[in-house]
Amino acid sequence: MHTALFFAVAAFFEIAGCFAFWAVVRNGANPLWLAPGVVSLIAFAGALTQVEASVAGRAFAAYGGVYVAASLLWLWQVEGFRPDRWDMLGGAVCLAGAAIVVFGPRA
């Protein structure tokens, strides 16, 4: 449960931080949005270090699947665009891959 919580927290902060940059560069938002974006990305990095994994690369790989699914949730809840069936299928495949990385038997 600890890992799932920190993956979710990391995803929120990474997506929020990247979205701040997207808003400035692509949507013409006030450049002051970059400051909370940077703080959010720092919080993302801190949260990701708290997941229960023996090596960083495995934590990062598993997080990738969580990131994809969380990004689709962001698309729907923040940007107001409902993911289509292909988005949902892709997100499910990514989460399945993340679960394999996290829960796969190790020698």
PDB file of N, CA and C in Angstrom:
ATOM      1  N   MET A   1       0.826  -1.200   0.000  1.00  0.00           N
ATOM      2  CA  MET A   1       0.000   0.000   0.000  1.00  0.00           C
ATOM      3  C   MET A   1       0.866   1.257   0.000  1.00  0.00           C
ATOM      4  N   HIS A   2       1.968   1.196   0.713  1.00  0.00           N
ATOM      5  CA  HIS A   2       2.899   2.317   0.778  1.00  0.00           C
ATOM      6  C   HIS A   2       3.360   2.715  -0.628  1.00  0.00           C
ATOM      7  N   THR A   3       3.722   1.732  -1.427  1.00  0.00           N
ATOM      8  CA  THR A   3       4.213   1.986  -2.777  1.00  0.00           C
ATOM      9  C   THR A   3       3.126   2.595  -3.641  1.00  0.00           C
ATOM     10  N   ALA A   4       1.916   2.044  -3.584  1.00  0.00           N
ATOM     11  CA  ALA A   4       0.811   2.571  -4.395  1.00  0.00           C
ATOM     12  C   ALA A   4       0.522   4.024  -4.038  1.00  0.00           C
ATOM     13  N   LEU A   5       0.546   4.342  -2.768  1.00  0.00           N
ATOM     14  CA  LEU A   5       0.296   5.718  -2.332  1.00  0.00           C
ATOM     15  C   LEU A   5       1.350   6.666  -2.900  1.00  0.00           C
ATOM     16  N   PHE A   6       2.622   6.288  -2.786  1.00  0.00           N
ATOM     17  CA  PHE A   6       3.667   7.183  -3.270  1.00  0.00           C
ATOM     18  C   PHE A   6       3.727   7.243  -4.792  1.00  0.00           C
ATOM     19  N   PHE A   7       3.350   6.167  -5.477  1.00  0.00           N
ATOM     20  CA  PHE A   7       3.232   6.245  -6.933  1.00  0.00           C
ATOM     21  C   PHE A   7       2.142   7.254  -7.311  1.00  0.00           C
ATOM     22  N   ALA A   8       1.007   7.214  -6.609  1.00  0.00           N
ATOM     23  CA  ALA A   8      -0.092   8.146  -6.904  1.00  0.00           C
ATOM     24  C   ALA A   8       0.315   9.593  -6.616  1.00  0.00           C
ATOM     25  N   VAL A   9       0.972   9.803  -5.492  1.00  0.00           N
ATOM     26  CA  VAL A   9       1.434  11.155  -5.138  1.00  0.00           C
ATOM     27  C   VAL A   9       2.452  11.650  -6.162  1.00  0.00           C
ATOM     28  N   ALA A  10       3.393  10.780  -6.526  1.00  0.00           N
ATOM     29  CA  ALA A  10       4.410  11.151  -7.517  1.00  0.00           C
ATOM     30  C   ALA A  10       3.759  11.510  -8.843  1.00  0.00           C
ATOM     31  N   ALA A  11       2.788  10.709  -9.266  1.00  0.00           N
ATOM     32  CA  ALA A  11       2.113  10.974 -10.539  1.00  0.00           C
ATOM     33  C   ALA A  11       1.417  12.331 -10.512  1.00  0.00           C
ATOM     34  N   PHE A  12       0.708  12.616  -9.424  1.00  0.00           N
ATOM     35  CA  PHE A  12       0.029  13.912  -9.334  1.00  0.00           C
ATOM     36  C   PHE A  12       1.024  15.059  -9.472  1.00  0.00           C
ATOM     37  N   PHE A  13       2.102  15.008  -8.703  1.00  0.00           N
ATOM     38  CA  PHE A  13       3.065  16.110  -8.728  1.00  0.00           C
ATOM     39  C   PHE A  13       3.793  16.217 -10.064  1.00  0.00           C
ATOM     40  N   GLU A  14       4.123  15.083 -10.673  1.00  0.00           N
ATOM     41  CA  GLU A  14       4.806  15.168 -11.967  1.00  0.00           C
ATOM     42  C   GLU A  14       3.885  15.739 -13.044  1.00  0.00           C
ATOM     43  N   ILE A  15       2.663  15.249 -13.088  1.00  0.00           N
ATOM     44  CA  ILE A  15       1.734  15.726 -14.109  1.00  0.00           C
ATOM     45  C   ILE A  15       1.398  17.197 -13.874  1.00  0.00           C
ATOM     46  N   ALA A  16       1.187  17.586 -12.631  1.00  0.00           N
ATOM     47  CA  ALA A  16       0.894  18.993 -12.335  1.00  0.00           C
ATOM     48  C   ALA A  16       2.071  19.882 -12.719  1.00  0.00           C
ATOM     49  N   GLY A  17       3.283  19.439 -12.406  1.00  0.00           N
ATOM     50  CA  GLY A  17       4.466  20.231 -12.752  1.00  0.00           C
ATOM     51  C   GLY A  17       4.647  20.361 -14.244  1.00  0.00           C
ATOM     52  N   CYS A  18       4.513  19.259 -14.951  1.00  0.00           N
ATOM     53  CA  CYS A  18       4.648  19.310 -16.409  1.00  0.00           C
ATOM     54  C   CYS A  18       3.518  20.119 -17.038  1.00  0.00           C
ATOM     55  N   PHE A  19       2.317  20.011 -16.468  1.00  0.00           N
ATOM     56  CA  PHE A  19       1.188  20.778 -16.998  1.00  0.00           C
ATOM     57  C   PHE A  19       1.410  22.276 -16.845  1.00  0.00           C
ATOM     58  N   ALA A  20       2.065  22.681 -15.768  1.00  0.00           N
ATOM     59  CA  ALA A  20       2.370  24.111 -15.588  1.00  0.00           C
ATOM     60  C   ALA A  20       3.253  24.603 -16.735  1.00  0.00           C
ATOM     61  N   PHE A  21       4.249  23.817 -17.101  1.00  0.00           N
ATOM     62  CA  PHE A  21       5.110  24.188 -18.228  1.00  0.00           C
ATOM     63  C   PHE A  21       4.332  24.178 -19.536  1.00  0.00           C
ATOM     64  N   TRP A  22       3.487  23.180 -19.729  1.00  0.00           N
ATOM     65  CA  TRP A  22       2.644  23.089 -20.924  1.00  0.00           C
ATOM     66  C   TRP A  22       1.761  24.334 -21.035  1.00  0.00           C
ATOM     67  N   ALA A  23       1.159  24.719 -19.908  1.00  0.00           N
ATOM     68  CA  ALA A  23       0.270  25.879 -19.915  1.00  0.00           C
ATOM     69  C   ALA A  23       1.006  27.150 -20.330  1.00  0.00           C
ATOM     70  N   VAL A  24       2.234  27.312 -19.869  1.00  0.00           N
ATOM     71  CA  VAL A  24       3.008  28.507 -20.211  1.00  0.00           C
ATOM     72  C   VAL A  24       3.448  28.462 -21.677  1.00  0.00           C
ATOM     73  N   VAL A  25       4.052  27.359 -22.069  1.00  0.00           N
ATOM     74  CA  VAL A  25       4.644  27.269 -23.407  1.00  0.00           C
ATOM     75  C   VAL A  25       3.584  27.118 -24.493  1.00  0.00           C
ATOM     76  N   ARG A  26       2.604  26.268 -24.273  1.00  0.00           N
ATOM     77  CA  ARG A  26       1.643  25.954 -25.322  1.00  0.00           C
ATOM     78  C   ARG A  26       0.364  26.771 -25.259  1.00  0.00           C
ATOM     79  N   ASN A  27      -0.019  27.199 -24.051  1.00  0.00           N
ATOM     80  CA  ASN A  27      -1.297  27.897 -23.901  1.00  0.00           C
ATOM     81  C   ASN A  27      -1.150  29.367 -23.553  1.00  0.00           C
ATOM     82  N   GLY A  28       0.088  29.840 -23.438  1.00  0.00           N
ATOM     83  CA  GLY A  28       0.305  31.257 -23.175  1.00  0.00           C
ATOM     84  C   GLY A  28      -0.012  31.707 -21.761  1.00  0.00           C
ATOM     85  N   ALA A  29       0.015  30.797 -20.809  1.00  0.00           N
ATOM     86  CA  ALA A  29      -0.253  31.170 -19.415  1.00  0.00           C
ATOM     87  C   ALA A  29       0.871  32.071 -18.899  1.00  0.00           C
ATOM     88  N   ASN A  30       0.592  32.753 -17.818  1.00  0.00           N
ATOM     89  CA  ASN A  30       1.561  33.634 -17.184  1.00  0.00           C
ATOM     90  C   ASN A  30       2.811  32.831 -16.797  1.00  0.00           C
ATOM     91  N   PRO A  31       3.998  33.317 -17.131  1.00  0.00           N
ATOM     92  CA  PRO A  31       5.235  32.593 -16.792  1.00  0.00           C
ATOM     93  C   PRO A  31       5.432  32.344 -15.296  1.00  0.00           C
ATOM     94  N   LEU A  32       4.715  33.048 -14.453  1.00  0.00           N
ATOM     95  CA  LEU A  32       4.814  32.788 -13.015  1.00  0.00           C
ATOM     96  C   LEU A  32       4.348  31.375 -12.663  1.00  0.00           C
ATOM     97  N   TRP A  33       3.585  30.730 -13.544  1.00  0.00           N
ATOM     98  CA  TRP A  33       3.171  29.348 -13.325  1.00  0.00           C
ATOM     99  C   TRP A  33       4.357  28.386 -13.320  1.00  0.00           C
ATOM    100  N   LEU A  34       5.496  28.833 -13.857  1.00  0.00           N
ATOM    101  CA  LEU A  34       6.670  27.962 -13.865  1.00  0.00           C
ATOM    102  C   LEU A  34       7.197  27.698 -12.459  1.00  0.00           C
ATOM    103  N   ALA A  35       7.049  28.662 -11.560  1.00  0.00           N
ATOM    104  CA  ALA A  35       7.550  28.481 -10.185  1.00  0.00           C
ATOM    105  C   ALA A  35       6.842  27.332  -9.473  1.00  0.00           C
ATOM    106  N   PRO A  36       5.505  27.299  -9.416  1.00  0.00           N
ATOM    107  CA  PRO A  36       4.883  26.130  -8.781  1.00  0.00           C
ATOM    108  C   PRO A  36       5.117  24.850  -9.575  1.00  0.00           C
ATOM    109  N   GLY A  37       5.329  24.982 -10.889  1.00  0.00           N
ATOM    110  CA  GLY A  37       5.655  23.810 -11.692  1.00  0.00           C
ATOM    111  C   GLY A  37       6.964  23.180 -11.252  1.00  0.00           C
ATOM    112  N   VAL A  38       7.964  24.003 -11.007  1.00  0.00           N
ATOM    113  CA  VAL A  38       9.265  23.493 -10.549  1.00  0.00           C
ATOM    114  C   VAL A  38       9.133  22.871  -9.161  1.00  0.00           C
ATOM    115  N   VAL A  39       8.420  23.527  -8.271  1.00  0.00           N
ATOM    116  CA  VAL A  39       8.215  22.978  -6.922  1.00  0.00           C
ATOM    117  C   VAL A  39       7.495  21.628  -7.001  1.00  0.00           C
ATOM    118  N   SER A  40       6.510  21.546  -7.877  1.00  0.00           N
ATOM    119  CA  SER A  40       5.777  20.301  -8.048  1.00  0.00           C
ATOM    120  C   SER A  40       6.684  19.183  -8.567  1.00  0.00           C
ATOM    121  N   LEU A  41       7.574  19.502  -9.497  1.00  0.00           N
ATOM    122  CA  LEU A  41       8.488  18.490 -10.020  1.00  0.00           C
ATOM    123  C   LEU A  41       9.495  18.040  -8.961  1.00  0.00           C
ATOM    124  N   ILE A  42       9.890  18.937  -8.086  1.00  0.00           N
ATOM    125  CA  ILE A  42      10.761  18.550  -6.971  1.00  0.00           C
ATOM    126  C   ILE A  42      10.010  17.613  -6.023  1.00  0.00           C
ATOM    127  N   ALA A  43       8.752  17.926  -5.747  1.00  0.00           N
ATOM    128  CA  ALA A  43       7.937  17.064  -4.888  1.00  0.00           C
ATOM    129  C   ALA A  43       7.747  15.692  -5.535  1.00  0.00           C
ATOM    130  N   PHE A  44       7.584  15.659  -6.854  1.00  0.00           N
ATOM    131  CA  PHE A  44       7.483  14.388  -7.578  1.00  0.00           C
ATOM    132  C   PHE A  44       8.717  13.532  -7.332  1.00  0.00           C
ATOM    133  N   ALA A  45       9.890  14.118  -7.500  1.00  0.00           N
ATOM    134  CA  ALA A  45      11.134  13.360  -7.321  1.00  0.00           C
ATOM    135  C   ALA A  45      11.247  12.840  -5.892  1.00  0.00           C
ATOM    136  N   GLY A  46      10.872  13.663  -4.935  1.00  0.00           N
ATOM    137  CA  GLY A  46      10.918  13.227  -3.538  1.00  0.00           C
ATOM    138  C   GLY A  46       9.949  12.084  -3.265  1.00  0.00           C
ATOM    139  N   ALA A  47       8.751  12.167  -3.816  1.00  0.00           N
ATOM    140  CA  ALA A  47       7.757  11.107  -3.600  1.00  0.00           C
ATOM    141  C   ALA A  47       8.212   9.792  -4.224  1.00  0.00           C
ATOM    142  N   LEU A  48       8.809   9.873  -5.403  1.00  0.00           N
ATOM    143  CA  LEU A  48       9.223   8.647  -6.079  1.00  0.00           C
ATOM    144  C   LEU A  48      10.330   7.921  -5.323  1.00  0.00           C
ATOM    145  N   THR A  49      11.122   8.648  -4.563  1.00  0.00           N
ATOM    146  CA  THR A  49      12.172   7.982  -3.781  1.00  0.00           C
ATOM    147  C   THR A  49      11.606   7.198  -2.599  1.00  0.00           C
ATOM    148  N   GLN A  50      10.336   7.375  -2.297  1.00  0.00           N
ATOM    149  CA  GLN A  50       9.733   6.712  -1.135  1.00  0.00           C
ATOM    150  C   GLN A  50       9.089   5.368  -1.465  1.00  0.00           C
ATOM    151  N   VAL A  51       9.044   4.992  -2.743  1.00  0.00           N
ATOM    152  CA  VAL A  51       8.430   3.704  -3.081  1.00  0.00           C
ATOM    153  C   VAL A  51       9.320   2.559  -2.607  1.00  0.00           C
ATOM    154  N   GLU A  52       8.690   1.443  -2.321  1.00  0.00           N
ATOM    155  CA  GLU A  52       9.414   0.278  -1.833  1.00  0.00           C
ATOM    156  C   GLU A  52       9.966  -0.503  -3.023  1.00  0.00           C
ATOM    157  N   ALA A  53      11.205  -0.269  -3.333  1.00  0.00           N
ATOM    158  CA  ALA A  53      11.876  -0.989  -4.415  1.00  0.00           C
ATOM    159  C   ALA A  53      13.349  -1.095  -4.061  1.00  0.00           C
ATOM    160  N   SER A  54      13.943  -2.198  -4.442  1.00  0.00           N
ATOM    161  CA  SER A  54      15.347  -2.410  -4.097  1.00  0.00           C
ATOM    162  C   SER A  54      16.290  -1.633  -5.007  1.00  0.00           C
ATOM    163  N   VAL A  55      15.827  -1.284  -6.207  1.00  0.00           N
ATOM    164  CA  VAL A  55      16.663  -0.548  -7.155  1.00  0.00           C
ATOM    165  C   VAL A  55      15.828   0.526  -7.844  1.00  0.00           C
ATOM    166  N   ALA A  56      16.473   1.626  -8.158  1.00  0.00           N
ATOM    167  CA  ALA A  56      15.769   2.771  -8.737  1.00  0.00           C
ATOM    168  C   ALA A  56      15.141   2.447 -10.079  1.00  0.00           C
ATOM    169  N   GLY A  57      15.869   1.759 -10.946  1.00  0.00           N
ATOM    170  CA  GLY A  57      15.360   1.480 -12.285  1.00  0.00           C
ATOM    171  C   GLY A  57      14.049   0.718 -12.273  1.00  0.00           C
ATOM    172  N   ARG A  58      13.909  -0.228 -11.350  1.00  0.00           N
ATOM    173  CA  ARG A  58      12.658  -0.989 -11.248  1.00  0.00           C
ATOM    174  C   ARG A  58      11.523  -0.088 -10.767  1.00  0.00           C
ATOM    175  N   ALA A  59      11.808   0.781  -9.830  1.00  0.00           N
ATOM    176  CA  ALA A  59      10.789   1.717  -9.352  1.00  0.00           C
ATOM    177  C   ALA A  59      10.360   2.646 -10.486  1.00  0.00           C
ATOM    178  N   PHE A  60      11.319   3.139 -11.247  1.00  0.00           N
ATOM    179  CA  PHE A  60      11.007   4.055 -12.348  1.00  0.00           C
ATOM    180  C   PHE A  60      10.213   3.343 -13.439  1.00  0.00           C
ATOM    181  N   ALA A  61      10.569   2.107 -13.739  1.00  0.00           N
ATOM    182  CA  ALA A  61       9.866   1.342 -14.774  1.00  0.00           C
ATOM    183  C   ALA A  61       8.417   1.104 -14.378  1.00  0.00           C
ATOM    184  N   ALA A  62       8.204   0.683 -13.145  1.00  0.00           N
ATOM    185  CA  ALA A  62       6.842   0.441 -12.684  1.00  0.00           C
ATOM    186  C   ALA A  62       6.050   1.740 -12.640  1.00  0.00           C
ATOM    187  N   TYR A  63       6.696   2.806 -12.225  1.00  0.00           N
ATOM    188  CA  TYR A  63       6.031   4.104 -12.164  1.00  0.00           C
ATOM    189  C   TYR A  63       5.548   4.549 -13.541  1.00  0.00           C
ATOM    190  N   GLY A  64       6.256   4.165 -14.588  1.00  0.00           N
ATOM    191  CA  GLY A  64       5.857   4.549 -15.938  1.00  0.00           C
ATOM    192  C   GLY A  64       4.429   4.137 -16.257  1.00  0.00           C
ATOM    193  N   GLY A  65       4.042   2.944 -15.853  1.00  0.00           N
ATOM    194  CA  GLY A  65       2.668   2.496 -16.089  1.00  0.00           C
ATOM    195  C   GLY A  65       1.658   3.306 -15.298  1.00  0.00           C
ATOM    196  N   VAL A  66       2.016   3.620 -14.069  1.00  0.00           N
ATOM    197  CA  VAL A  66       1.144   4.447 -13.227  1.00  0.00           C
ATOM    198  C   VAL A  66       1.003   5.838 -13.840  1.00  0.00           C
ATOM    199  N   TYR A  67       2.103   6.372 -14.353  1.00  0.00           N
ATOM    200  CA  TYR A  67       2.093   7.700 -14.974  1.00  0.00           C
ATOM    201  C   TYR A  67       1.131   7.752 -16.154  1.00  0.00           C
ATOM    202  N   VAL A  68       1.147   6.731 -16.985  1.00  0.00           N
ATOM    203  CA  VAL A  68       0.251   6.715 -18.145  1.00  0.00           C
ATOM    204  C   VAL A  68      -1.200   6.737 -17.693  1.00  0.00           C
ATOM    205  N   ALA A  69      -1.556   5.878 -16.753  1.00  0.00           N
ATOM    206  CA  ALA A  69      -2.936   5.833 -16.268  1.00  0.00           C
ATOM    207  C   ALA A  69      -3.334   7.143 -15.584  1.00  0.00           C
ATOM    208  N   ALA A  70      -2.445   7.693 -14.776  1.00  0.00           N
ATOM    209  CA  ALA A  70      -2.738   8.951 -14.091  1.00  0.00           C
ATOM    210  C   ALA A  70      -2.882  10.103 -15.089  1.00  0.00           C
ATOM    211  N   SER A  71      -2.108  10.074 -16.150  1.00  0.00           N
ATOM    212  CA  SER A  71      -2.217  11.117 -17.173  1.00  0.00           C
ATOM    213  C   SER A  71      -3.577  11.077 -17.854  1.00  0.00           C
ATOM    214  N   LEU A  72      -4.109   9.883 -18.058  1.00  0.00           N
ATOM    215  CA  LEU A  72      -5.442   9.769 -18.651  1.00  0.00           C
ATOM    216  C   LEU A  72      -6.515  10.270 -17.688  1.00  0.00           C
ATOM    217  N   LEU A  73      -6.313  10.032 -16.411  1.00  0.00           N
ATOM    218  CA  LEU A  73      -7.237  10.577 -15.411  1.00  0.00           C
ATOM    219  C   LEU A  73      -7.159  12.106 -15.410  1.00  0.00           C
ATOM    220  N   TRP A  74      -5.957  12.656 -15.514  1.00  0.00           N
ATOM    221  CA  TRP A  74      -5.767  14.105 -15.597  1.00  0.00           C
ATOM    222  C   TRP A  74      -6.476  14.661 -16.831  1.00  0.00           C
ATOM    223  N   LEU A  75      -6.319  13.974 -17.965  1.00  0.00           N
ATOM    224  CA  LEU A  75      -6.972  14.371 -19.213  1.00  0.00           C
ATOM    225  C   LEU A  75      -8.469  14.548 -18.992  1.00  0.00           C
ATOM    226  N   TRP A  76      -9.048  13.610 -18.262  1.00  0.00           N
ATOM    227  CA  TRP A  76     -10.484  13.615 -18.045  1.00  0.00           C
ATOM    228  C   TRP A  76     -10.893  14.632 -16.979  1.00  0.00           C
ATOM    229  N   GLN A  77     -10.242  14.589 -15.816  1.00  0.00           N
ATOM    230  CA  GLN A  77     -10.685  15.398 -14.687  1.00  0.00           C
ATOM    231  C   GLN A  77     -10.252  16.855 -14.755  1.00  0.00           C
ATOM    232  N   VAL A  78      -9.072  17.144 -15.290  1.00  0.00           N
ATOM    233  CA  VAL A  78      -8.557  18.510 -15.300  1.00  0.00           C
ATOM    234  C   VAL A  78      -8.796  19.181 -16.651  1.00  0.00           C
ATOM    235  N   GLU A  79      -8.500  18.451 -17.732  1.00  0.00           N
ATOM    236  CA  GLU A  79      -8.629  19.050 -19.056  1.00  0.00           C
ATOM    237  C   GLU A  79     -10.020  18.894 -19.668  1.00  0.00           C
ATOM    238  N   GLY A  80     -10.836  18.050 -19.064  1.00  0.00           N
ATOM    239  CA  GLY A  80     -12.222  17.916 -19.505  1.00  0.00           C
ATOM    240  C   GLY A  80     -12.430  17.091 -20.762  1.00  0.00           C
ATOM    241  N   PHE A  81     -11.478  16.240 -21.113  1.00  0.00           N
ATOM    242  CA  PHE A  81     -11.625  15.369 -22.274  1.00  0.00           C
ATOM    243  C   PHE A  81     -11.715  13.933 -21.793  1.00  0.00           C
ATOM    244  N   ARG A  82     -12.827  13.299 -22.083  1.00  0.00           N
ATOM    245  CA  ARG A  82     -13.021  11.912 -21.640  1.00  0.00           C
ATOM    246  C   ARG A  82     -12.147  10.979 -22.472  1.00  0.00           C
ATOM    247  N   PRO A  83     -11.326  10.140 -21.811  1.00  0.00           N
ATOM    248  CA  PRO A  83     -10.513   9.176 -22.561  1.00  0.00           C
ATOM    249  C   PRO A  83     -11.405   8.215 -23.355  1.00  0.00           C
ATOM    250  N   ASP A  84     -10.965   7.871 -24.562  1.00  0.00           N
ATOM    251  CA  ASP A  84     -11.740   6.923 -25.353  1.00  0.00           C
ATOM    252  C   ASP A  84     -11.323   5.491 -25.021  1.00  0.00           C
ATOM    253  N   ARG A  85     -11.930   4.533 -25.691  1.00  0.00           N
ATOM    254  CA  ARG A  85     -11.658   3.125 -25.351  1.00  0.00           C
ATOM    255  C   ARG A  85     -10.207   2.754 -25.592  1.00  0.00           C
ATOM    256  N   TRP A  86      -9.554   3.373 -26.563  1.00  0.00           N
ATOM    257  CA  TRP A  86      -8.157   3.066 -26.848  1.00  0.00           C
ATOM    258  C   TRP A  86      -7.247   3.647 -25.768  1.00  0.00           C
ATOM    259  N   ASP A  87      -7.605   4.820 -25.269  1.00  0.00           N
ATOM    260  CA  ASP A  87      -6.873   5.377 -24.123  1.00  0.00           C
ATOM    261  C   ASP A  87      -6.979   4.437 -22.928  1.00  0.00           C
ATOM    262  N   MET A  88      -8.203   3.983 -22.679  1.00  0.00           N
ATOM    263  CA  MET A  88      -8.441   3.115 -21.523  1.00  0.00           C
ATOM    264  C   MET A  88      -7.715   1.780 -21.672  1.00  0.00           C
ATOM    265  N   LEU A  89      -7.746   1.209 -22.866  1.00  0.00           N
ATOM    266  CA  LEU A  89      -7.043  -0.051 -23.100  1.00  0.00           C
ATOM    267  C   LEU A  89      -5.543   0.140 -22.912  1.00  0.00           C
ATOM    268  N   GLY A  90      -4.995   1.206 -23.462  1.00  0.00           N
ATOM    269  CA  GLY A  90      -3.572   1.482 -23.300  1.00  0.00           C
ATOM    270  C   GLY A  90      -3.192   1.681 -21.848  1.00  0.00           C
ATOM    271  N   GLY A  91      -4.026   2.416 -21.104  1.00  0.00           N
ATOM    272  CA  GLY A  91      -3.765   2.613 -19.676  1.00  0.00           C
ATOM    273  C   GLY A  91      -3.793   1.301 -18.904  1.00  0.00           C
ATOM    274  N   ALA A  92      -4.746   0.429 -19.250  1.00  0.00           N
ATOM    275  CA  ALA A  92      -4.838  -0.871 -18.573  1.00  0.00           C
ATOM    276  C   ALA A  92      -3.606  -1.729 -18.872  1.00  0.00           C
ATOM    277  N   VAL A  93      -3.159  -1.713 -20.119  1.00  0.00           N
ATOM    278  CA  VAL A  93      -1.960  -2.477 -20.480  1.00  0.00           C
ATOM    279  C   VAL A  93      -0.750  -1.957 -19.706  1.00  0.00           C
ATOM    280  N   CYS A  94      -0.633  -0.640 -19.595  1.00  0.00           N
ATOM    281  CA  CYS A  94       0.493  -0.049 -18.857  1.00  0.00           C
ATOM    282  C   CYS A  94       0.441  -0.419 -17.377  1.00  0.00           C
ATOM    283  N   LEU A  95      -0.754  -0.380 -16.784  1.00  0.00           N
ATOM    284  CA  LEU A  95      -0.872  -0.775 -15.375  1.00  0.00           C
ATOM    285  C   LEU A  95      -0.554  -2.255 -15.189  1.00  0.00           C
ATOM    286  N   ALA A  96      -0.959  -3.082 -16.141  1.00  0.00           N
ATOM    287  CA  ALA A  96      -0.617  -4.503 -16.053  1.00  0.00           C
ATOM    288  C   ALA A  96       0.897  -4.681 -16.108  1.00  0.00           C
ATOM    289  N   GLY A  97       1.550  -3.941 -16.984  1.00  0.00           N
ATOM    290  CA  GLY A  97       3.011  -4.010 -17.058  1.00  0.00           C
ATOM    291  C   GLY A  97       3.661  -3.553 -15.772  1.00  0.00           C
ATOM    292  N   ALA A  98       3.139  -2.491 -15.187  1.00  0.00           N
ATOM    293  CA  ALA A  98       3.679  -2.009 -13.910  1.00  0.00           C
ATOM    294  C   ALA A  98       3.515  -3.064 -12.824  1.00  0.00           C
ATOM    295  N   ALA A  99       2.367  -3.737 -12.792  1.00  0.00           N
ATOM    296  CA  ALA A  99       2.131  -4.773 -11.789  1.00  0.00           C
ATOM    297  C   ALA A  99       3.111  -5.941 -11.968  1.00  0.00           C
ATOM    298  N   ILE A 100       3.399  -6.295 -13.219  1.00  0.00           N
ATOM    299  CA  ILE A 100       4.358  -7.366 -13.467  1.00  0.00           C
ATOM    300  C   ILE A 100       5.737  -6.979 -12.934  1.00  0.00           C
ATOM    301  N   VAL A 101       6.132  -5.735 -13.177  1.00  0.00           N
ATOM    302  CA  VAL A 101       7.441  -5.279 -12.704  1.00  0.00           C
ATOM    303  C   VAL A 101       7.494  -5.292 -11.175  1.00  0.00           C
ATOM    304  N   VAL A 102       6.432  -4.817 -10.523  1.00  0.00           N
ATOM    305  CA  VAL A 102       6.429  -4.712  -9.065  1.00  0.00           C
ATOM    306  C   VAL A 102       6.257  -6.074  -8.386  1.00  0.00           C
ATOM    307  N   PHE A 103       5.332  -6.875  -8.883  1.00  0.00           N
ATOM    308  CA  PHE A 103       4.970  -8.103  -8.172  1.00  0.00           C
ATOM    309  C   PHE A 103       5.557  -9.380  -8.763  1.00  0.00           C
ATOM    310  N   GLY A 104       6.302  -9.275  -9.854  1.00  0.00           N
ATOM    311  CA  GLY A 104       6.883 -10.467 -10.466  1.00  0.00           C
ATOM    312  C   GLY A 104       7.837 -11.162  -9.513  1.00  0.00           C
ATOM    313  N   PRO A 105       7.837 -12.503  -9.561  1.00  0.00           N
ATOM    314  CA  PRO A 105       8.731 -13.245  -8.646  1.00  0.00           C
ATOM    315  C   PRO A 105      10.198 -12.957  -8.973  1.00  0.00           C
ATOM    316  N   ARG A 106      10.981 -12.809  -7.977  1.00  0.00           N
ATOM    317  CA  ARG A 106      12.409 -12.541  -8.134  1.00  0.00           C
ATOM    318  C   ARG A 106      13.204 -13.717  -7.607  1.00  0.00           C
ATOM    319  N   ALA A 107      14.313 -13.976  -8.270  1.00  0.00           N
ATOM    320  CA  ALA A 107      15.162 -15.105  -7.864  1.00  0.00           C
ATOM    321  C   ALA A 107      15.902 -14.790  -6.578  1.00  0.00           C
TER     322      ALA A 107
END
